Protein backbone atom coordinates (compact mmCIF):
# COMPACT_ATOMS: atom_id res chain seq x y z
CA UNK A 1 0.00 0.00 0.00
CA UNK A 2 1.21 3.50 -0.83
CA UNK A 3 2.15 5.95 1.91
CA UNK A 4 -0.51 8.68 2.07
CA UNK A 5 -0.03 11.82 4.15
CA UNK A 6 -0.38 15.60 4.17
CA UNK A 7 2.47 18.09 4.55
CA UNK A 8 3.14 21.78 3.94
CA UNK A 9 3.77 22.64 0.30
CA UNK A 10 7.26 23.81 -0.64
CA UNK A 11 8.88 25.66 -3.54
CA UNK A 12 9.71 22.36 -5.23
CA UNK A 13 5.98 21.48 -5.26
CA UNK A 14 4.82 24.51 -7.25
CA UNK A 15 4.90 22.89 -10.70
CA UNK A 16 3.04 19.82 -9.41
CA UNK A 17 0.45 22.04 -7.71
CA UNK A 18 -0.06 24.03 -10.92
CA UNK A 19 -0.45 20.77 -12.86
CA UNK A 20 -3.17 19.64 -10.42
CA UNK A 21 -4.94 22.99 -10.74
CA UNK A 22 -4.79 22.72 -14.54
CA UNK A 23 -6.18 19.18 -14.38
CA UNK A 24 -9.02 20.40 -12.14
CA UNK A 25 -9.65 23.36 -14.47
CA UNK A 26 -10.01 20.96 -17.42
CA UNK A 27 -12.24 18.60 -15.42
CA UNK A 28 -14.53 21.49 -14.45
CA UNK A 29 -14.66 22.71 -18.06
CA UNK A 30 -15.65 19.22 -19.27
CA UNK A 31 -18.63 19.43 -16.92
CA UNK A 32 -19.59 22.90 -18.19
CA UNK A 33 -18.67 24.57 -14.88
CA UNK A 34 -17.08 28.00 -15.27
CA UNK A 35 -15.18 27.82 -11.97
CA UNK A 36 -11.39 28.35 -12.42
CA UNK A 37 -11.83 28.93 -16.17
CA UNK A 38 -9.74 32.10 -16.20
CA UNK A 39 -6.12 32.34 -15.13
CA UNK A 40 -6.84 32.07 -11.40
CA UNK A 41 -5.59 30.22 -9.43
CA UNK A 42 -2.27 31.05 -11.04
CA UNK A 43 1.43 30.75 -10.21
CA UNK A 44 1.32 33.98 -8.17
CA UNK A 45 -1.52 32.64 -5.97
CA UNK A 46 0.29 29.34 -5.43
CA UNK A 47 3.56 31.15 -4.70
CA UNK A 48 1.80 33.37 -2.15
CA UNK A 49 0.32 30.30 -0.43
CA UNK A 50 3.79 28.72 -0.27
CA UNK A 51 5.38 31.96 0.98
CA UNK A 52 2.63 32.42 3.59
CA UNK A 53 2.98 28.74 4.59
CA UNK A 54 -0.75 28.13 4.09
CA UNK A 55 -0.50 25.53 1.32
CA UNK A 56 -0.82 21.84 2.11
CA UNK A 57 -0.20 19.00 -0.28
CA UNK A 58 -1.56 15.48 -0.26
CA UNK A 59 1.24 13.00 -0.91
CA UNK A 60 0.41 9.60 -2.40
CA UNK A 61 3.26 7.18 -2.97
CA UNK A 62 5.84 9.96 -2.92
CA UNK A 63 4.02 12.26 -5.36
CA UNK A 64 1.95 15.40 -4.91
CA UNK A 65 -1.63 14.29 -5.53
CA UNK A 66 -3.63 17.13 -4.00
CA UNK A 67 -3.41 20.75 -2.97
CA UNK A 68 -5.33 22.99 -0.62
CA UNK A 69 -4.69 26.07 1.45
CA UNK A 70 -5.59 26.51 5.10
CA UNK A 71 -5.90 30.26 5.68
CA UNK A 72 -6.69 32.40 8.72
CA UNK A 73 -9.79 34.55 8.43
CA UNK A 74 -11.26 36.97 8.05
CA UNK A 75 -11.80 36.77 4.32
CA UNK A 76 -13.13 40.05 2.87
CA UNK A 77 -15.31 38.09 0.44
CA UNK A 78 -17.03 36.36 3.38
CA UNK A 79 -18.28 39.62 4.95
CA UNK A 80 -21.34 39.70 2.71
CA UNK A 81 -23.34 36.50 2.78
CA UNK A 82 -26.89 36.13 1.49
CA UNK A 83 -28.96 33.42 3.15
CA UNK A 84 -28.93 32.18 6.72
CA UNK A 85 -25.45 33.62 7.27
CA UNK A 86 -22.52 32.54 9.38
CA UNK A 87 -23.11 31.16 12.86
CA UNK A 88 -21.10 33.18 15.38
CA UNK A 89 -18.32 35.66 14.87
CA UNK A 90 -15.26 33.99 16.32
CA UNK A 91 -11.96 33.55 14.53
CA UNK A 92 -12.06 31.06 11.71
CA UNK A 93 -9.95 29.31 9.10
CA UNK A 94 -10.84 28.80 5.48
CA UNK A 95 -9.96 26.08 3.02
CA UNK A 96 -9.25 27.48 -0.43
CA UNK A 97 -7.84 26.18 -3.72
CA UNK A 98 -8.65 22.55 -2.88
CA UNK A 99 -8.03 20.11 -5.74
CA UNK A 100 -6.89 16.55 -6.36
CA UNK A 101 -4.97 15.16 -9.29
CA UNK A 102 -7.26 13.46 -11.79
CA UNK A 103 -5.07 10.35 -11.50
CA UNK A 104 -6.33 9.75 -7.94
CA UNK A 105 -9.94 10.83 -8.47
CA UNK A 106 -12.44 8.30 -7.14
CA UNK A 107 -10.15 6.86 -4.45
CA UNK A 108 -11.81 8.66 -1.49
CA UNK A 109 -8.65 10.72 -0.97
CA UNK A 110 -10.53 14.02 -0.85
CA UNK A 111 -12.17 12.81 2.36
CA UNK A 112 -8.78 11.93 3.85
CA UNK A 113 -7.26 15.25 2.76
CA UNK A 114 -10.20 17.31 4.07
CA UNK A 115 -10.07 15.45 7.40
CA UNK A 116 -6.37 16.22 7.76
CA UNK A 117 -6.95 19.92 7.07
CA UNK A 118 -9.75 19.96 9.65
CA UNK A 119 -7.53 18.23 12.21
CA UNK A 120 -4.74 20.74 11.63
CA UNK A 121 -7.11 23.70 12.04
CA UNK A 122 -8.45 22.16 15.25
CA UNK A 123 -4.94 21.61 16.61
CA UNK A 124 -4.24 25.30 15.97
CA UNK A 125 -7.23 26.24 18.13
CA UNK A 126 -9.83 26.92 15.44
CA UNK A 127 -13.36 25.65 15.97
CA UNK A 128 -14.93 27.45 12.99
CA UNK A 129 -13.98 26.44 9.43
CA UNK A 130 -15.38 27.92 6.23
CA UNK A 131 -15.22 26.99 2.57
CA UNK A 132 -16.96 27.93 -0.67
CA UNK A 133 -17.46 26.45 -4.12
CA UNK A 134 -19.32 27.08 -7.36
CA UNK A 135 -23.05 26.26 -7.29
CA UNK A 136 -22.60 23.80 -10.19
CA UNK A 137 -19.60 22.01 -8.67
CA UNK A 138 -21.57 19.05 -7.32
CA UNK A 139 -18.49 16.92 -6.68
CA UNK A 140 -16.88 19.52 -4.42
CA UNK A 141 -20.21 20.15 -2.70
CA UNK A 142 -20.37 16.41 -1.96
CA UNK A 143 -16.83 16.50 -0.48
CA UNK A 144 -17.71 19.54 1.64
CA UNK A 145 -21.01 18.11 2.94
CA UNK A 146 -19.44 14.69 3.60
CA UNK A 147 -16.89 16.47 5.82
CA UNK A 148 -19.75 17.81 7.96
CA UNK A 149 -20.03 21.36 6.60
CA UNK A 150 -23.44 23.02 6.51
CA UNK A 151 -24.63 25.35 3.76
CA UNK A 152 -24.85 28.93 5.10
CA UNK A 153 -25.62 31.01 2.01
CA UNK A 154 -24.04 32.74 -0.98
CA UNK A 155 -20.82 34.77 -0.90
CA UNK A 156 -19.47 36.90 -3.73
CA UNK A 157 -15.90 36.66 -4.96
CA UNK A 158 -13.98 38.99 -7.25
CA UNK A 159 -14.41 36.80 -10.35
CA UNK A 160 -16.43 36.97 -13.59
CA UNK A 161 -19.10 34.72 -12.04
CA UNK A 162 -18.77 35.80 -8.40
CA UNK A 163 -21.46 33.75 -6.62
CA UNK A 164 -20.25 30.85 -4.51
CA UNK A 165 -22.06 28.49 -2.16
CA UNK A 166 -20.63 29.02 1.31
CA UNK A 167 -20.34 26.36 4.01
CA UNK A 168 -19.34 26.30 7.66
CA UNK A 169 -18.17 23.60 10.03
CA UNK A 170 -18.31 24.21 13.78
CA UNK A 171 -16.13 21.88 15.83
CA UNK A 172 -17.46 22.40 19.36
C-alpha atoms as a PDB file:
ATOM      1  CA  UNK A   1       0.000   0.000   0.000  1.00  0.00           C
ATOM      2  CA  UNK A   2       1.209   3.504  -0.830  1.00  0.00           C
ATOM      3  CA  UNK A   3       2.152   5.946   1.906  1.00  0.00           C
ATOM      4  CA  UNK A   4      -0.506   8.677   2.072  1.00  0.00           C
ATOM      5  CA  UNK A   5      -0.033  11.818   4.150  1.00  0.00           C
ATOM      6  CA  UNK A   6      -0.376  15.604   4.174  1.00  0.00           C
ATOM      7  CA  UNK A   7       2.469  18.089   4.553  1.00  0.00           C
ATOM      8  CA  UNK A   8       3.135  21.781   3.939  1.00  0.00           C
ATOM      9  CA  UNK A   9       3.774  22.643   0.303  1.00  0.00           C
ATOM     10  CA  UNK A  10       7.260  23.807  -0.645  1.00  0.00           C
ATOM     11  CA  UNK A  11       8.885  25.662  -3.535  1.00  0.00           C
ATOM     12  CA  UNK A  12       9.709  22.363  -5.228  1.00  0.00           C
ATOM     13  CA  UNK A  13       5.981  21.477  -5.259  1.00  0.00           C
ATOM     14  CA  UNK A  14       4.816  24.512  -7.247  1.00  0.00           C
ATOM     15  CA  UNK A  15       4.900  22.892 -10.701  1.00  0.00           C
ATOM     16  CA  UNK A  16       3.042  19.817  -9.406  1.00  0.00           C
ATOM     17  CA  UNK A  17       0.449  22.039  -7.708  1.00  0.00           C
ATOM     18  CA  UNK A  18      -0.064  24.033 -10.919  1.00  0.00           C
ATOM     19  CA  UNK A  19      -0.446  20.773 -12.858  1.00  0.00           C
ATOM     20  CA  UNK A  20      -3.166  19.638 -10.423  1.00  0.00           C
ATOM     21  CA  UNK A  21      -4.943  22.989 -10.741  1.00  0.00           C
ATOM     22  CA  UNK A  22      -4.793  22.718 -14.544  1.00  0.00           C
ATOM     23  CA  UNK A  23      -6.180  19.181 -14.380  1.00  0.00           C
ATOM     24  CA  UNK A  24      -9.023  20.403 -12.138  1.00  0.00           C
ATOM     25  CA  UNK A  25      -9.647  23.360 -14.471  1.00  0.00           C
ATOM     26  CA  UNK A  26     -10.013  20.960 -17.418  1.00  0.00           C
ATOM     27  CA  UNK A  27     -12.240  18.595 -15.416  1.00  0.00           C
ATOM     28  CA  UNK A  28     -14.531  21.495 -14.450  1.00  0.00           C
ATOM     29  CA  UNK A  29     -14.658  22.705 -18.062  1.00  0.00           C
ATOM     30  CA  UNK A  30     -15.646  19.220 -19.274  1.00  0.00           C
ATOM     31  CA  UNK A  31     -18.630  19.431 -16.918  1.00  0.00           C
ATOM     32  CA  UNK A  32     -19.593  22.902 -18.189  1.00  0.00           C
ATOM     33  CA  UNK A  33     -18.670  24.575 -14.878  1.00  0.00           C
ATOM     34  CA  UNK A  34     -17.080  27.999 -15.268  1.00  0.00           C
ATOM     35  CA  UNK A  35     -15.181  27.816 -11.972  1.00  0.00           C
ATOM     36  CA  UNK A  36     -11.393  28.352 -12.424  1.00  0.00           C
ATOM     37  CA  UNK A  37     -11.831  28.932 -16.170  1.00  0.00           C
ATOM     38  CA  UNK A  38      -9.735  32.102 -16.198  1.00  0.00           C
ATOM     39  CA  UNK A  39      -6.124  32.338 -15.126  1.00  0.00           C
ATOM     40  CA  UNK A  40      -6.844  32.070 -11.395  1.00  0.00           C
ATOM     41  CA  UNK A  41      -5.591  30.222  -9.430  1.00  0.00           C
ATOM     42  CA  UNK A  42      -2.268  31.053 -11.036  1.00  0.00           C
ATOM     43  CA  UNK A  43       1.430  30.751 -10.209  1.00  0.00           C
ATOM     44  CA  UNK A  44       1.315  33.981  -8.171  1.00  0.00           C
ATOM     45  CA  UNK A  45      -1.520  32.644  -5.974  1.00  0.00           C
ATOM     46  CA  UNK A  46       0.293  29.342  -5.427  1.00  0.00           C
ATOM     47  CA  UNK A  47       3.562  31.152  -4.705  1.00  0.00           C
ATOM     48  CA  UNK A  48       1.796  33.371  -2.149  1.00  0.00           C
ATOM     49  CA  UNK A  49       0.319  30.301  -0.428  1.00  0.00           C
ATOM     50  CA  UNK A  50       3.786  28.717  -0.267  1.00  0.00           C
ATOM     51  CA  UNK A  51       5.380  31.964   0.984  1.00  0.00           C
ATOM     52  CA  UNK A  52       2.626  32.416   3.589  1.00  0.00           C
ATOM     53  CA  UNK A  53       2.985  28.743   4.594  1.00  0.00           C
ATOM     54  CA  UNK A  54      -0.751  28.131   4.094  1.00  0.00           C
ATOM     55  CA  UNK A  55      -0.503  25.534   1.320  1.00  0.00           C
ATOM     56  CA  UNK A  56      -0.819  21.843   2.112  1.00  0.00           C
ATOM     57  CA  UNK A  57      -0.195  19.000  -0.276  1.00  0.00           C
ATOM     58  CA  UNK A  58      -1.558  15.477  -0.260  1.00  0.00           C
ATOM     59  CA  UNK A  59       1.238  12.997  -0.908  1.00  0.00           C
ATOM     60  CA  UNK A  60       0.411   9.600  -2.395  1.00  0.00           C
ATOM     61  CA  UNK A  61       3.261   7.176  -2.972  1.00  0.00           C
ATOM     62  CA  UNK A  62       5.843   9.963  -2.917  1.00  0.00           C
ATOM     63  CA  UNK A  63       4.023  12.259  -5.360  1.00  0.00           C
ATOM     64  CA  UNK A  64       1.949  15.405  -4.908  1.00  0.00           C
ATOM     65  CA  UNK A  65      -1.634  14.288  -5.532  1.00  0.00           C
ATOM     66  CA  UNK A  66      -3.627  17.132  -4.005  1.00  0.00           C
ATOM     67  CA  UNK A  67      -3.415  20.753  -2.973  1.00  0.00           C
ATOM     68  CA  UNK A  68      -5.331  22.988  -0.619  1.00  0.00           C
ATOM     69  CA  UNK A  69      -4.687  26.072   1.454  1.00  0.00           C
ATOM     70  CA  UNK A  70      -5.586  26.512   5.097  1.00  0.00           C
ATOM     71  CA  UNK A  71      -5.902  30.255   5.675  1.00  0.00           C
ATOM     72  CA  UNK A  72      -6.689  32.396   8.721  1.00  0.00           C
ATOM     73  CA  UNK A  73      -9.787  34.554   8.431  1.00  0.00           C
ATOM     74  CA  UNK A  74     -11.257  36.975   8.052  1.00  0.00           C
ATOM     75  CA  UNK A  75     -11.805  36.773   4.325  1.00  0.00           C
ATOM     76  CA  UNK A  76     -13.134  40.052   2.873  1.00  0.00           C
ATOM     77  CA  UNK A  77     -15.310  38.087   0.439  1.00  0.00           C
ATOM     78  CA  UNK A  78     -17.030  36.364   3.375  1.00  0.00           C
ATOM     79  CA  UNK A  79     -18.284  39.621   4.949  1.00  0.00           C
ATOM     80  CA  UNK A  80     -21.344  39.698   2.708  1.00  0.00           C
ATOM     81  CA  UNK A  81     -23.336  36.496   2.777  1.00  0.00           C
ATOM     82  CA  UNK A  82     -26.889  36.130   1.489  1.00  0.00           C
ATOM     83  CA  UNK A  83     -28.958  33.421   3.147  1.00  0.00           C
ATOM     84  CA  UNK A  84     -28.930  32.181   6.725  1.00  0.00           C
ATOM     85  CA  UNK A  85     -25.446  33.619   7.271  1.00  0.00           C
ATOM     86  CA  UNK A  86     -22.521  32.535   9.380  1.00  0.00           C
ATOM     87  CA  UNK A  87     -23.110  31.160  12.861  1.00  0.00           C
ATOM     88  CA  UNK A  88     -21.098  33.178  15.377  1.00  0.00           C
ATOM     89  CA  UNK A  89     -18.321  35.662  14.865  1.00  0.00           C
ATOM     90  CA  UNK A  90     -15.263  33.994  16.319  1.00  0.00           C
ATOM     91  CA  UNK A  91     -11.962  33.553  14.532  1.00  0.00           C
ATOM     92  CA  UNK A  92     -12.057  31.063  11.706  1.00  0.00           C
ATOM     93  CA  UNK A  93      -9.949  29.313   9.099  1.00  0.00           C
ATOM     94  CA  UNK A  94     -10.836  28.796   5.476  1.00  0.00           C
ATOM     95  CA  UNK A  95      -9.961  26.075   3.024  1.00  0.00           C
ATOM     96  CA  UNK A  96      -9.250  27.484  -0.430  1.00  0.00           C
ATOM     97  CA  UNK A  97      -7.844  26.183  -3.724  1.00  0.00           C
ATOM     98  CA  UNK A  98      -8.646  22.553  -2.878  1.00  0.00           C
ATOM     99  CA  UNK A  99      -8.027  20.113  -5.738  1.00  0.00           C
ATOM    100  CA  UNK A 100      -6.885  16.553  -6.355  1.00  0.00           C
ATOM    101  CA  UNK A 101      -4.968  15.162  -9.291  1.00  0.00           C
ATOM    102  CA  UNK A 102      -7.263  13.463 -11.788  1.00  0.00           C
ATOM    103  CA  UNK A 103      -5.071  10.345 -11.496  1.00  0.00           C
ATOM    104  CA  UNK A 104      -6.334   9.747  -7.937  1.00  0.00           C
ATOM    105  CA  UNK A 105      -9.937  10.826  -8.474  1.00  0.00           C
ATOM    106  CA  UNK A 106     -12.445   8.299  -7.141  1.00  0.00           C
ATOM    107  CA  UNK A 107     -10.155   6.861  -4.449  1.00  0.00           C
ATOM    108  CA  UNK A 108     -11.810   8.659  -1.493  1.00  0.00           C
ATOM    109  CA  UNK A 109      -8.650  10.717  -0.968  1.00  0.00           C
ATOM    110  CA  UNK A 110     -10.525  14.021  -0.852  1.00  0.00           C
ATOM    111  CA  UNK A 111     -12.174  12.808   2.356  1.00  0.00           C
ATOM    112  CA  UNK A 112      -8.778  11.927   3.849  1.00  0.00           C
ATOM    113  CA  UNK A 113      -7.263  15.247   2.765  1.00  0.00           C
ATOM    114  CA  UNK A 114     -10.201  17.311   4.068  1.00  0.00           C
ATOM    115  CA  UNK A 115     -10.065  15.449   7.398  1.00  0.00           C
ATOM    116  CA  UNK A 116      -6.374  16.225   7.757  1.00  0.00           C
ATOM    117  CA  UNK A 117      -6.955  19.924   7.074  1.00  0.00           C
ATOM    118  CA  UNK A 118      -9.749  19.956   9.651  1.00  0.00           C
ATOM    119  CA  UNK A 119      -7.526  18.234  12.215  1.00  0.00           C
ATOM    120  CA  UNK A 120      -4.736  20.743  11.630  1.00  0.00           C
ATOM    121  CA  UNK A 121      -7.112  23.697  12.038  1.00  0.00           C
ATOM    122  CA  UNK A 122      -8.450  22.158  15.248  1.00  0.00           C
ATOM    123  CA  UNK A 123      -4.942  21.605  16.613  1.00  0.00           C
ATOM    124  CA  UNK A 124      -4.242  25.299  15.968  1.00  0.00           C
ATOM    125  CA  UNK A 125      -7.233  26.243  18.128  1.00  0.00           C
ATOM    126  CA  UNK A 126      -9.831  26.919  15.435  1.00  0.00           C
ATOM    127  CA  UNK A 127     -13.358  25.649  15.969  1.00  0.00           C
ATOM    128  CA  UNK A 128     -14.927  27.446  12.991  1.00  0.00           C
ATOM    129  CA  UNK A 129     -13.984  26.444   9.433  1.00  0.00           C
ATOM    130  CA  UNK A 130     -15.385  27.917   6.230  1.00  0.00           C
ATOM    131  CA  UNK A 131     -15.221  26.990   2.567  1.00  0.00           C
ATOM    132  CA  UNK A 132     -16.957  27.929  -0.673  1.00  0.00           C
ATOM    133  CA  UNK A 133     -17.462  26.454  -4.119  1.00  0.00           C
ATOM    134  CA  UNK A 134     -19.323  27.076  -7.356  1.00  0.00           C
ATOM    135  CA  UNK A 135     -23.048  26.264  -7.295  1.00  0.00           C
ATOM    136  CA  UNK A 136     -22.599  23.801 -10.195  1.00  0.00           C
ATOM    137  CA  UNK A 137     -19.605  22.008  -8.672  1.00  0.00           C
ATOM    138  CA  UNK A 138     -21.566  19.054  -7.324  1.00  0.00           C
ATOM    139  CA  UNK A 139     -18.486  16.918  -6.683  1.00  0.00           C
ATOM    140  CA  UNK A 140     -16.878  19.517  -4.415  1.00  0.00           C
ATOM    141  CA  UNK A 141     -20.206  20.146  -2.695  1.00  0.00           C
ATOM    142  CA  UNK A 142     -20.374  16.414  -1.955  1.00  0.00           C
ATOM    143  CA  UNK A 143     -16.834  16.496  -0.485  1.00  0.00           C
ATOM    144  CA  UNK A 144     -17.715  19.535   1.637  1.00  0.00           C
ATOM    145  CA  UNK A 145     -21.006  18.107   2.939  1.00  0.00           C
ATOM    146  CA  UNK A 146     -19.438  14.686   3.596  1.00  0.00           C
ATOM    147  CA  UNK A 147     -16.887  16.471   5.818  1.00  0.00           C
ATOM    148  CA  UNK A 148     -19.754  17.811   7.955  1.00  0.00           C
ATOM    149  CA  UNK A 149     -20.029  21.358   6.602  1.00  0.00           C
ATOM    150  CA  UNK A 150     -23.440  23.023   6.512  1.00  0.00           C
ATOM    151  CA  UNK A 151     -24.634  25.350   3.759  1.00  0.00           C
ATOM    152  CA  UNK A 152     -24.853  28.929   5.097  1.00  0.00           C
ATOM    153  CA  UNK A 153     -25.617  31.007   2.006  1.00  0.00           C
ATOM    154  CA  UNK A 154     -24.041  32.737  -0.983  1.00  0.00           C
ATOM    155  CA  UNK A 155     -20.819  34.769  -0.895  1.00  0.00           C
ATOM    156  CA  UNK A 156     -19.468  36.905  -3.726  1.00  0.00           C
ATOM    157  CA  UNK A 157     -15.895  36.658  -4.960  1.00  0.00           C
ATOM    158  CA  UNK A 158     -13.978  38.987  -7.250  1.00  0.00           C
ATOM    159  CA  UNK A 159     -14.411  36.798 -10.345  1.00  0.00           C
ATOM    160  CA  UNK A 160     -16.431  36.974 -13.590  1.00  0.00           C
ATOM    161  CA  UNK A 161     -19.098  34.720 -12.037  1.00  0.00           C
ATOM    162  CA  UNK A 162     -18.771  35.797  -8.401  1.00  0.00           C
ATOM    163  CA  UNK A 163     -21.457  33.755  -6.617  1.00  0.00           C
ATOM    164  CA  UNK A 164     -20.251  30.846  -4.515  1.00  0.00           C
ATOM    165  CA  UNK A 165     -22.061  28.492  -2.160  1.00  0.00           C
ATOM    166  CA  UNK A 166     -20.630  29.022   1.309  1.00  0.00           C
ATOM    167  CA  UNK A 167     -20.337  26.356   4.006  1.00  0.00           C
ATOM    168  CA  UNK A 168     -19.344  26.303   7.657  1.00  0.00           C
ATOM    169  CA  UNK A 169     -18.167  23.597  10.033  1.00  0.00           C
ATOM    170  CA  UNK A 170     -18.314  24.211  13.783  1.00  0.00           C
ATOM    171  CA  UNK A 171     -16.132  21.878  15.832  1.00  0.00           C
ATOM    172  CA  UNK A 172     -17.461  22.399  19.358  1.00  0.00           C
END
